[in-house]
């Protein structure tokens, strides 16, 4: 015999899963943006070093951003996989 409460639990689990997948999708976008920012800041650091300017602040910024990317990446692994959505043919 099934009770209505069991159905509610299944709905909550499905909603929670979808919410976590959406969070994972957004987190992947943030990780990609920050990874690009790491490359840009490191590139600026290389440019300032080559031109003889003070570059250590740019390199420190790149390392800090890289640490944030790694931390977000490790958190991302705890979330469910994001499946590729295909359009119906």
C-alpha atoms as a PDB file:
ATOM      1  CA  UNK A   1       0.000   0.000   0.000  1.00  0.00           C
ATOM      2  CA  UNK A   2       1.400   3.382  -1.005  1.00  0.00           C
ATOM      3  CA  UNK A   3       0.709   6.555   0.855  1.00  0.00           C
ATOM      4  CA  UNK A   4       0.576  10.031  -0.587  1.00  0.00           C
ATOM      5  CA  UNK A   5       3.497  11.054   1.608  1.00  0.00           C
ATOM      6  CA  UNK A   6       5.799   8.735  -0.348  1.00  0.00           C
ATOM      7  CA  UNK A   7       4.899  10.518  -3.565  1.00  0.00           C
ATOM      8  CA  UNK A   8       5.665  13.870  -1.969  1.00  0.00           C
ATOM      9  CA  UNK A   9       9.095  12.605  -0.940  1.00  0.00           C
ATOM     10  CA  UNK A  10       9.815  11.475  -4.494  1.00  0.00           C
ATOM     11  CA  UNK A  11       8.771  14.887  -5.814  1.00  0.00           C
ATOM     12  CA  UNK A  12      11.024  16.628  -3.299  1.00  0.00           C
ATOM     13  CA  UNK A  13      13.941  14.393  -4.219  1.00  0.00           C
ATOM     14  CA  UNK A  14      13.423  15.114  -7.923  1.00  0.00           C
ATOM     15  CA  UNK A  15      13.102  18.851  -7.278  1.00  0.00           C
ATOM     16  CA  UNK A  16      16.209  18.808  -5.096  1.00  0.00           C
ATOM     17  CA  UNK A  17      18.135  16.939  -7.792  1.00  0.00           C
ATOM     18  CA  UNK A  18      17.076  19.439 -10.463  1.00  0.00           C
ATOM     19  CA  UNK A  19      18.022  22.328  -8.199  1.00  0.00           C
ATOM     20  CA  UNK A  20      21.447  20.815  -7.598  1.00  0.00           C
ATOM     21  CA  UNK A  21      21.959  20.253 -11.326  1.00  0.00           C
ATOM     22  CA  UNK A  22      21.061  23.907 -12.007  1.00  0.00           C
ATOM     23  CA  UNK A  23      23.540  25.003  -9.342  1.00  0.00           C
ATOM     24  CA  UNK A  24      26.177  22.805 -10.991  1.00  0.00           C
ATOM     25  CA  UNK A  25      25.494  24.385 -14.394  1.00  0.00           C
ATOM     26  CA  UNK A  26      25.884  27.896 -12.989  1.00  0.00           C
ATOM     27  CA  UNK A  27      28.986  26.893 -11.062  1.00  0.00           C
ATOM     28  CA  UNK A  28      30.582  25.547 -14.238  1.00  0.00           C
ATOM     29  CA  UNK A  29      29.995  28.897 -15.918  1.00  0.00           C
ATOM     30  CA  UNK A  30      31.584  30.752 -12.990  1.00  0.00           C
ATOM     31  CA  UNK A  31      34.562  28.385 -12.994  1.00  0.00           C
ATOM     32  CA  UNK A  32      35.070  28.963 -16.722  1.00  0.00           C
ATOM     33  CA  UNK A  33      34.918  32.730 -16.317  1.00  0.00           C
ATOM     34  CA  UNK A  34      37.369  32.697 -13.404  1.00  0.00           C
ATOM     35  CA  UNK A  35      39.747  30.363 -15.259  1.00  0.00           C
ATOM     36  CA  UNK A  36      39.798  32.849 -18.133  1.00  0.00           C
ATOM     37  CA  UNK A  37      40.436  35.642 -15.615  1.00  0.00           C
ATOM     38  CA  UNK A  38      43.425  33.680 -14.226  1.00  0.00           C
ATOM     39  CA  UNK A  39      44.912  33.471 -17.711  1.00  0.00           C
ATOM     40  CA  UNK A  40      44.267  37.162 -18.373  1.00  0.00           C
ATOM     41  CA  UNK A  41      45.790  38.301 -15.068  1.00  0.00           C
ATOM     42  CA  UNK A  42      48.800  36.016 -15.550  1.00  0.00           C
ATOM     43  CA  UNK A  43      49.237  37.406 -19.076  1.00  0.00           C
ATOM     44  CA  UNK A  44      49.160  40.954 -17.724  1.00  0.00           C
ATOM     45  CA  UNK A  45      51.737  39.884 -15.129  1.00  0.00           C
ATOM     46  CA  UNK A  46      54.032  38.528 -17.822  1.00  0.00           C
ATOM     47  CA  UNK A  47      53.622  41.721 -19.857  1.00  0.00           C
ATOM     48  CA  UNK A  48      54.436  43.937 -16.877  1.00  0.00           C
ATOM     49  CA  UNK A  49      57.453  41.784 -16.008  1.00  0.00           C
ATOM     50  CA  UNK A  50      58.783  41.954 -19.558  1.00  0.00           C
ATOM     51  CA  UNK A  51      58.349  45.741 -19.699  1.00  0.00           C
ATOM     52  CA  UNK A  52      60.215  46.166 -16.413  1.00  0.00           C
ATOM     53  CA  UNK A  53      57.271  47.195 -14.256  1.00  0.00           C
ATOM     54  CA  UNK A  54      56.315  45.737 -10.910  1.00  0.00           C
ATOM     55  CA  UNK A  55      54.546  42.474 -11.690  1.00  0.00           C
ATOM     56  CA  UNK A  56      54.355  40.674  -8.362  1.00  0.00           C
ATOM     57  CA  UNK A  57      50.874  42.010  -7.554  1.00  0.00           C
ATOM     58  CA  UNK A  58      49.527  40.623 -10.835  1.00  0.00           C
ATOM     59  CA  UNK A  59      51.084  37.248 -10.115  1.00  0.00           C
ATOM     60  CA  UNK A  60      49.703  37.210  -6.567  1.00  0.00           C
ATOM     61  CA  UNK A  61      46.270  38.020  -7.997  1.00  0.00           C
ATOM     62  CA  UNK A  62      46.605  35.168 -10.492  1.00  0.00           C
ATOM     63  CA  UNK A  63      47.540  32.734  -7.720  1.00  0.00           C
ATOM     64  CA  UNK A  64      44.607  33.856  -5.557  1.00  0.00           C
ATOM     65  CA  UNK A  65      42.191  33.480  -8.471  1.00  0.00           C
ATOM     66  CA  UNK A  66      43.653  30.057  -9.265  1.00  0.00           C
ATOM     67  CA  UNK A  67      43.113  28.986  -5.648  1.00  0.00           C
ATOM     68  CA  UNK A  68      39.478  30.105  -5.887  1.00  0.00           C
ATOM     69  CA  UNK A  69      39.042  28.123  -9.111  1.00  0.00           C
ATOM     70  CA  UNK A  70      40.500  25.008  -7.494  1.00  0.00           C
ATOM     71  CA  UNK A  71      38.233  25.390  -4.450  1.00  0.00           C
ATOM     72  CA  UNK A  72      35.156  25.797  -6.654  1.00  0.00           C
ATOM     73  CA  UNK A  73      36.255  22.863  -8.781  1.00  0.00           C
ATOM     74  CA  UNK A  74      36.498  20.636  -5.702  1.00  0.00           C
ATOM     75  CA  UNK A  75      33.041  21.801  -4.571  1.00  0.00           C
ATOM     76  CA  UNK A  76      31.691  21.122  -8.078  1.00  0.00           C
ATOM     77  CA  UNK A  77      32.692  17.464  -7.826  1.00  0.00           C
ATOM     78  CA  UNK A  78      30.194  17.009  -4.972  1.00  0.00           C
ATOM     79  CA  UNK A  79      27.275  18.066  -7.170  1.00  0.00           C
ATOM     80  CA  UNK A  80      25.536  15.753  -9.660  1.00  0.00           C
ATOM     81  CA  UNK A  81      26.771  15.473 -13.226  1.00  0.00           C
ATOM     82  CA  UNK A  82      25.285  17.801 -15.785  1.00  0.00           C
ATOM     83  CA  UNK A  83      24.073  15.779 -18.742  1.00  0.00           C
ATOM     84  CA  UNK A  84      24.204  17.281 -22.197  1.00  0.00           C
ATOM     85  CA  UNK A  85      20.711  18.132 -23.358  1.00  0.00           C
ATOM     86  CA  UNK A  86      20.010  17.208 -26.949  1.00  0.00           C
ATOM     87  CA  UNK A  87      17.350  18.794 -29.044  1.00  0.00           C
ATOM     88  CA  UNK A  88      14.727  16.452 -30.405  1.00  0.00           C
ATOM     89  CA  UNK A  89      15.288  15.677 -34.102  1.00  0.00           C
END
